[in-house]
C-alpha atoms as a PDB file:
ATOM      1  CA  MET A   1      -9.400  -3.500  12.401  1.00  0.00           C
ATOM      2  CA  TYR A   2     -10.984  -0.396  10.158  1.00  0.00           C
ATOM      3  CA  ASP A   3     -13.812   1.794  11.892  1.00  0.00           C
ATOM      4  CA  ALA A   4     -16.164   2.455   9.320  1.00  0.00           C
ATOM      5  CA  THR A   5     -19.253   4.587   8.959  1.00  0.00           C
ATOM      6  CA  ASP A   6     -22.550   3.212   7.551  1.00  0.00           C
ATOM      7  CA  ASP A   7     -19.972   0.378   6.143  1.00  0.00           C
ATOM      8  CA  PRO A   8     -21.867  -1.334   2.501  1.00  0.00           C
ATOM      9  CA  TYR A   9     -18.443  -3.340   2.345  1.00  0.00           C
ATOM     10  CA  THR A  10     -19.261  -5.577   5.534  1.00  0.00           C
ATOM     11  CA  TYR A  11     -22.380  -8.073   6.460  1.00  0.00           C
ATOM     12  CA  LYS A  12     -25.029  -6.686   8.151  1.00  0.00           C
ATOM     13  CA  ASN A  13     -24.465  -6.451  11.815  1.00  0.00           C
ATOM     14  CA  SER A  14     -20.755  -7.942  11.307  1.00  0.00           C
ATOM     15  CA  THR A  15     -17.165  -6.110  10.747  1.00  0.00           C
ATOM     16  CA  VAL A  16     -16.182  -8.900   8.460  1.00  0.00           C
ATOM     17  CA  LEU A  17     -15.836  -8.053   4.856  1.00  0.00           C
ATOM     18  CA  VAL A  18     -17.907  -9.477   2.029  1.00  0.00           C
ATOM     19  CA  ASN A  19     -15.913 -11.566  -0.235  1.00  0.00           C
ATOM     20  CA  LYS A  20     -15.922 -13.872  -2.718  1.00  0.00           C
ATOM     21  CA  LEU A  21     -16.101 -17.240  -0.636  1.00  0.00           C
ATOM     22  CA  ASP A  22     -19.046 -15.552   1.727  1.00  0.00           C
ATOM     23  CA  LEU A  23     -16.699 -16.334   4.726  1.00  0.00           C
ATOM     24  CA  ARG A  24     -18.373 -15.100   7.788  1.00  0.00           C
ATOM     25  CA  ASN A  25     -15.556 -15.481  10.111  1.00  0.00           C
ATOM     26  CA  GLN A  26     -12.783 -12.727  10.465  1.00  0.00           C
ATOM     27  CA  ASP A  27     -10.050 -15.419  11.402  1.00  0.00           C
ATOM     28  CA  GLU A  28     -11.287 -17.385   8.492  1.00  0.00           C
ATOM     29  CA  LEU A  29     -11.184 -14.703   5.680  1.00  0.00           C
ATOM     30  CA  ASP A  30      -7.602 -13.447   7.029  1.00  0.00           C
ATOM     31  CA  ASP A  31      -6.001 -16.757   6.618  1.00  0.00           C
ATOM     32  CA  PHE A  32      -7.799 -16.792   3.526  1.00  0.00           C
ATOM     33  CA  GLU A  33      -6.837 -13.736   2.162  1.00  0.00           C
ATOM     34  CA  ALA A  34      -3.234 -13.956   3.347  1.00  0.00           C
ATOM     35  CA  GLU A  35      -2.942 -17.456   0.961  1.00  0.00           C
ATOM     36  CA  ILE A  36      -4.191 -16.160  -2.165  1.00  0.00           C
ATOM     37  CA  THR A  37      -2.251 -12.951  -1.866  1.00  0.00           C
ATOM     38  CA  ASN A  38       0.625 -14.469  -1.638  1.00  0.00           C
ATOM     39  CA  ALA A  39       0.010 -16.451  -4.168  1.00  0.00           C
ATOM     40  CA  ARG A  40      -0.428 -13.783  -6.481  1.00  0.00           C
ATOM     41  CA  ALA A  41       2.333 -12.190  -5.742  1.00  0.00           C
ATOM     42  CA  GLY A  42       4.160 -15.024  -6.981  1.00  0.00           C
ATOM     43  CA  GLU A  43       2.372 -14.382 -10.597  1.00  0.00           C
ATOM     44  CA  PRO A  44       3.862 -11.810 -12.752  1.00  0.00           C
ATOM     45  CA  LEU A  45       2.419  -8.436 -11.422  1.00  0.00           C
ATOM     46  CA  PRO A  46       0.308  -5.781 -13.687  1.00  0.00           C
ATOM     47  CA  GLU A  47       2.389  -3.838 -16.028  1.00  0.00           C
ATOM     48  CA  GLY A  48       1.929   0.439 -16.158  1.00  0.00           C
ATOM     49  CA  ASN A  49       3.337   3.028 -16.041  1.00  0.00           C
ATOM     50  CA  LEU A  50       3.857   3.658 -11.941  1.00  0.00           C
ATOM     51  CA  ASP A  51       0.539   6.113 -11.914  1.00  0.00           C
ATOM     52  CA  PHE A  52      -2.510   5.815  -9.603  1.00  0.00           C
ATOM     53  CA  ALA A  53      -3.858   3.244 -12.253  1.00  0.00           C
ATOM     54  CA  HIS A  54      -1.399   0.853 -12.051  1.00  0.00           C
ATOM     55  CA  PHE A  55      -1.360   1.301  -8.395  1.00  0.00           C
ATOM     56  CA  CYS A  56      -4.873   0.067  -8.431  1.00  0.00           C
ATOM     57  CA  ALA A  57      -4.109  -2.469 -10.946  1.00  0.00           C
ATOM     58  CA  VAL A  58      -2.247  -4.500  -8.337  1.00  0.00           C
ATOM     59  CA  HIS A  59      -4.449  -4.041  -5.367  1.00  0.00           C
ATOM     60  CA  HIS A  60      -6.646  -5.972  -8.413  1.00  0.00           C
ATOM     61  CA  HIS A  61      -4.408  -8.580  -8.894  1.00  0.00           C
ATOM     62  CA  LEU A  62      -3.418  -9.003  -5.689  1.00  0.00           C
ATOM     63  CA  PHE A  63      -7.001  -9.086  -4.344  1.00  0.00           C
ATOM     64  CA  GLN A  64      -9.349 -10.266  -6.811  1.00  0.00           C
ATOM     65  CA  ASP A  65     -10.136 -13.704  -5.994  1.00  0.00           C
ATOM     66  CA  VAL A  66     -11.062 -11.844  -2.494  1.00  0.00           C
ATOM     67  CA  TYR A  67     -13.186  -9.150  -3.099  1.00  0.00           C
ATOM     68  CA  ASP A  68     -15.459  -8.274  -6.422  1.00  0.00           C
ATOM     69  CA  TRP A  69     -14.356  -4.367  -5.302  1.00  0.00           C
ATOM     70  CA  ALA A  70     -10.703  -5.445  -5.947  1.00  0.00           C
ATOM     71  CA  GLY A  71      -8.891  -2.263  -7.512  1.00  0.00           C
ATOM     72  CA  ILE A  72     -11.357  -0.086  -7.210  1.00  0.00           C
ATOM     73  CA  PRO A  73     -10.951   2.640  -4.450  1.00  0.00           C
ATOM     74  CA  ARG A  74     -12.819   2.678  -1.699  1.00  0.00           C
ATOM     75  CA  THR A  75     -16.643   5.085  -1.284  1.00  0.00           C
ATOM     76  CA  VAL A  76     -16.807   4.743   2.619  1.00  0.00           C
ATOM     77  CA  ARG A  77     -15.249   6.925   5.392  1.00  0.00           C
ATOM     78  CA  ILE A  78     -12.419   4.624   7.896  1.00  0.00           C
ATOM     79  CA  SER A  79     -10.182   5.278  10.432  1.00  0.00           C
ATOM     80  CA  LYS A  80      -7.884   3.561  12.612  1.00  0.00           C
ATOM     81  CA  GLN A  81      -7.341   3.977  16.566  1.00  0.00           C
ATOM     82  CA  GLY A  82      -9.372   7.822  15.859  1.00  0.00           C
ATOM     83  CA  SER A  83      -7.723   9.209  12.626  1.00  0.00           C
ATOM     84  CA  PRO A  84      -8.977   9.281  10.151  1.00  0.00           C
ATOM     85  CA  PHE A  85      -7.537   8.725   6.377  1.00  0.00           C
ATOM     86  CA  CYS A  86      -8.623  10.538   3.270  1.00  0.00           C
ATOM     87  CA  PHE A  87     -12.265  10.905   2.508  1.00  0.00           C
ATOM     88  CA  PRO A  88     -13.394   9.231  -0.407  1.00  0.00           C
ATOM     89  CA  GLU A  89     -14.503  11.795  -2.054  1.00  0.00           C
ATOM     90  CA  HIS A  90     -10.640  13.474  -2.378  1.00  0.00           C
ATOM     91  CA  ILE A  91      -9.101   9.863  -3.116  1.00  0.00           C
ATOM     92  CA  HIS A  92      -8.470  10.607  -6.865  1.00  0.00           C
ATOM     93  CA  THR A  93      -7.474  14.219  -6.136  1.00  0.00           C
ATOM     94  CA  GLN A  94      -5.149  13.300  -3.372  1.00  0.00           C
ATOM     95  CA  ALA A  95      -3.543  10.463  -5.215  1.00  0.00           C
ATOM     96  CA  ALA A  96      -2.921  12.321  -8.200  1.00  0.00           C
ATOM     97  CA  LYS A  97      -1.044  14.561  -6.630  1.00  0.00           C
ATOM     98  CA  ILE A  98       1.446  12.239  -4.948  1.00  0.00           C
ATOM     99  CA  PHE A  99       1.591  10.577  -8.339  1.00  0.00           C
ATOM    100  CA  ALA A 100       2.605  13.931 -10.061  1.00  0.00           C
ATOM    101  CA  GLU A 101       4.980  14.032  -8.145  1.00  0.00           C
ATOM    102  CA  LEU A 102       6.345  10.932  -8.286  1.00  0.00           C
ATOM    103  CA  ARG A 103       6.497  11.394 -11.820  1.00  0.00           C
ATOM    104  CA  ALA A 104       8.313  15.237 -11.520  1.00  0.00           C
ATOM    105  CA  ARG A 105      10.564  12.731  -9.546  1.00  0.00           C
ATOM    106  CA  ASN A 106      11.538  10.454 -12.429  1.00  0.00           C
ATOM    107  CA  TYR A 107      10.054   7.447 -10.368  1.00  0.00           C
ATOM    108  CA  LEU A 108      12.857   8.348  -8.255  1.00  0.00           C
ATOM    109  CA  LYS A 109      15.784   7.169 -10.515  1.00  0.00           C
ATOM    110  CA  TYR A 110      19.353   8.556 -10.624  1.00  0.00           C
ATOM    111  CA  LEU A 111      19.244   9.640  -7.068  1.00  0.00           C
ATOM    112  CA  SER A 112      21.839   8.798  -4.305  1.00  0.00           C
ATOM    113  CA  ALA A 113      20.698   6.271  -2.135  1.00  0.00           C
ATOM    114  CA  LYS A 114      20.272   8.549   0.548  1.00  0.00           C
ATOM    115  CA  GLU A 115      17.826  10.573  -1.492  1.00  0.00           C
ATOM    116  CA  PHE A 116      15.976   7.707  -2.911  1.00  0.00           C
ATOM    117  CA  VAL A 117      15.460   6.536   0.496  1.00  0.00           C
ATOM    118  CA  GLY A 118      13.653  10.048   1.585  1.00  0.00           C
ATOM    119  CA  HIS A 119      11.733  10.063  -1.056  1.00  0.00           C
ATOM    120  CA  ALA A 120      10.624   6.968  -1.166  1.00  0.00           C
ATOM    121  CA  ALA A 121       9.730   7.071   2.561  1.00  0.00           C
ATOM    122  CA  HIS A 122       7.339  10.321   1.334  1.00  0.00           C
ATOM    123  CA  PHE A 123       5.529   8.680  -1.034  1.00  0.00           C
ATOM    124  CA  LEU A 124       4.673   5.859   1.109  1.00  0.00           C
ATOM    125  CA  ALA A 125       3.644   7.982   3.964  1.00  0.00           C
ATOM    126  CA  GLU A 126       1.364   9.916   1.788  1.00  0.00           C
ATOM    127  CA  LEU A 127      -0.053   7.142  -0.252  1.00  0.00           C
ATOM    128  CA  ASN A 128      -0.315   4.892   3.063  1.00  0.00           C
ATOM    129  CA  ALA A 129      -2.693   8.638   4.624  1.00  0.00           C
ATOM    130  CA  ILE A 130      -5.179   8.392   1.558  1.00  0.00           C
ATOM    131  CA  HIS A 131      -5.416   4.360   2.071  1.00  0.00           C
ATOM    132  CA  VAL A 132      -7.205   4.464  -1.066  1.00  0.00           C
ATOM    133  CA  PHE A 133      -8.805   0.731  -0.417  1.00  0.00           C
ATOM    134  CA  ARG A 134     -11.428  -0.631   1.857  1.00  0.00           C
ATOM    135  CA  GLU A 135      -8.710  -3.159   2.763  1.00  0.00           C
ATOM    136  CA  GLY A 136      -5.464  -4.328   1.275  1.00  0.00           C
ATOM    137  CA  ASN A 137      -3.460  -1.017   1.333  1.00  0.00           C
ATOM    138  CA  GLY A 138      -0.423  -2.152   3.411  1.00  0.00           C
ATOM    139  CA  ARG A 139       0.010  -5.345   1.055  1.00  0.00           C
ATOM    140  CA  THR A 140      -0.762  -3.229  -1.868  1.00  0.00           C
ATOM    141  CA  GLN A 141       1.477  -0.445  -1.191  1.00  0.00           C
ATOM    142  CA  LEU A 142       4.497  -2.632  -0.575  1.00  0.00           C
ATOM    143  CA  THR A 143       3.833  -4.642  -3.693  1.00  0.00           C
ATOM    144  CA  PHE A 144       3.621  -1.593  -5.805  1.00  0.00           C
ATOM    145  CA  PHE A 145       7.146   0.172  -3.690  1.00  0.00           C
ATOM    146  CA  ALA A 146       9.023  -3.070  -4.697  1.00  0.00           C
ATOM    147  CA  LEU A 147       8.027  -2.244  -8.322  1.00  0.00           C
ATOM    148  CA  LEU A 148       9.091   1.248  -7.900  1.00  0.00           C
ATOM    149  CA  ALA A 149      12.249   0.410  -6.398  1.00  0.00           C
ATOM    150  CA  ASP A 150      12.915  -2.450  -9.015  1.00  0.00           C
ATOM    151  CA  ARG A 151      12.560   0.579 -11.589  1.00  0.00           C
ATOM    152  CA  ALA A 152      14.976   3.155 -10.118  1.00  0.00           C
ATOM    153  CA  ASP A 153      17.422  -0.197  -9.874  1.00  0.00           C
ATOM    154  CA  ARG A 154      16.976  -0.616  -6.415  1.00  0.00           C
ATOM    155  CA  SER A 155      16.735  -3.851  -5.140  1.00  0.00           C
ATOM    156  CA  LEU A 156      14.408  -4.921  -1.774  1.00  0.00           C
ATOM    157  CA  ASP A 157      15.456  -7.392   0.757  1.00  0.00           C
ATOM    158  CA  LEU A 158      11.863  -7.810   1.639  1.00  0.00           C
ATOM    159  CA  GLU A 159      13.028 -10.867   4.205  1.00  0.00           C
ATOM    160  CA  LYS A 160      14.463  -8.246   6.419  1.00  0.00           C
ATOM    161  CA  LEU A 161      10.892  -6.526   6.715  1.00  0.00           C
ATOM    162  CA  ASP A 162       9.422  -6.213  10.574  1.00  0.00           C
ATOM    163  CA  PRO A 163       5.551  -6.310   9.623  1.00  0.00           C
ATOM    164  CA  GLU A 164       5.253  -5.166  13.550  1.00  0.00           C
ATOM    165  CA  ALA A 165       8.133  -2.051  12.855  1.00  0.00           C
ATOM    166  CA  MET A 166       6.593  -1.405   9.659  1.00  0.00           C
ATOM    167  CA  LEU A 167       3.272  -0.679  11.253  1.00  0.00           C
ATOM    168  CA  HIS A 168       4.012   1.278  13.641  1.00  0.00           C
ATOM    169  CA  ALA A 169       6.698   3.496  11.315  1.00  0.00           C
ATOM    170  CA  MET A 170       3.588   3.793   8.993  1.00  0.00           C
ATOM    171  CA  ILE A 171       1.586   4.999  12.103  1.00  0.00           C
ATOM    172  CA  SER A 172       4.309   7.784  13.161  1.00  0.00           C
ATOM    173  CA  SER A 173       4.534   8.506   9.083  1.00  0.00           C
ATOM    174  CA  PHE A 174       0.493   9.315   9.572  1.00  0.00           C
ATOM    175  CA  ASP A 175       1.953  11.586  12.499  1.00  0.00           C
ATOM    176  CA  GLY A 176       4.138  13.585  10.331  1.00  0.00           C
ATOM    177  CA  ASP A 177       7.312  11.667  11.407  1.00  0.00           C
ATOM    178  CA  GLU A 178       8.826   9.610   8.523  1.00  0.00           C
ATOM    179  CA  SER A 179      12.002   9.084  10.114  1.00  0.00           C
ATOM    180  CA  GLU A 180      11.355   5.521  11.249  1.00  0.00           C
ATOM    181  CA  LEU A 181      10.003   4.282   8.059  1.00  0.00           C
ATOM    182  CA  THR A 182      12.991   6.295   6.003  1.00  0.00           C
ATOM    183  CA  LYS A 183      15.705   3.911   8.364  1.00  0.00           C
ATOM    184  CA  ILE A 184      13.176   0.905   7.686  1.00  0.00           C
ATOM    185  CA  ILE A 185      13.322   1.951   3.715  1.00  0.00           C
ATOM    186  CA  GLU A 186      17.072   2.176   4.324  1.00  0.00           C
ATOM    187  CA  GLU A 187      17.367  -1.278   5.319  1.00  0.00           C
ATOM    188  CA  LEU A 188      15.634  -2.842   2.845  1.00  0.00           C
ATOM    189  CA  ILE A 189      17.533  -1.594   0.191  1.00  0.00           C
ATOM    190  CA  SER A 190      20.474  -2.814  -1.580  1.00  0.00           C
ATOM    191  CA  ASN A 191      22.450  -0.306  -3.631  1.00  0.00           C
ATOM    192  CA  LYS A 192      24.346  -0.992  -6.564  1.00  0.00           C
ATOM    193  CA  PRO A 193      28.471  -0.122  -6.220  1.00  0.00           C
ATOM    194  CA  ASP A 194      27.760   2.748  -9.355  1.00  0.00           C
ATOM    195  CA  GLN A 195      25.098   4.221  -7.472  1.00  0.00           C
ATOM    196  CA  GLU A 196      26.570   5.127  -3.971  1.00  0.00           C
END
């Protein structure tokens, strides 16, 4: 659960996010969100240039049935367990910076497995620290990362992903330690023989 100040995204006197089905119970909203985003993830994802606009389009695709603001960066300050994410007034600037770095690295193409894993972990850690959206960041980051890996000719075996371990790795990366995240990504990728 996120902490937010003066949160226009929630129902009055509630922590439940305003949603298209007008669900006021958090468990019901969580169930609906999981079901519909899983369904949307199985559809063709938006095409794009692996830039910030593309990232936002992926969020919109996944959450369009749940929230009116799907694909739109948040306008409220949020934190988790007392750790603040990027202030909303800096989201576009910080996103422009990390996506420019991604472009400068040729979207992680033509790298050794070790280089790919290291750069991918850093990109995901930075993207997570920005926390672009009010909700749905983890799902969007992972979906976008799968697109990025595919373009870099790396296959991800997401069946191997342990959500709890991933969450812990993201928290550690937020505190500056990307080693757990690097290890998880290393375990998820399957490499083509000619890339080793």
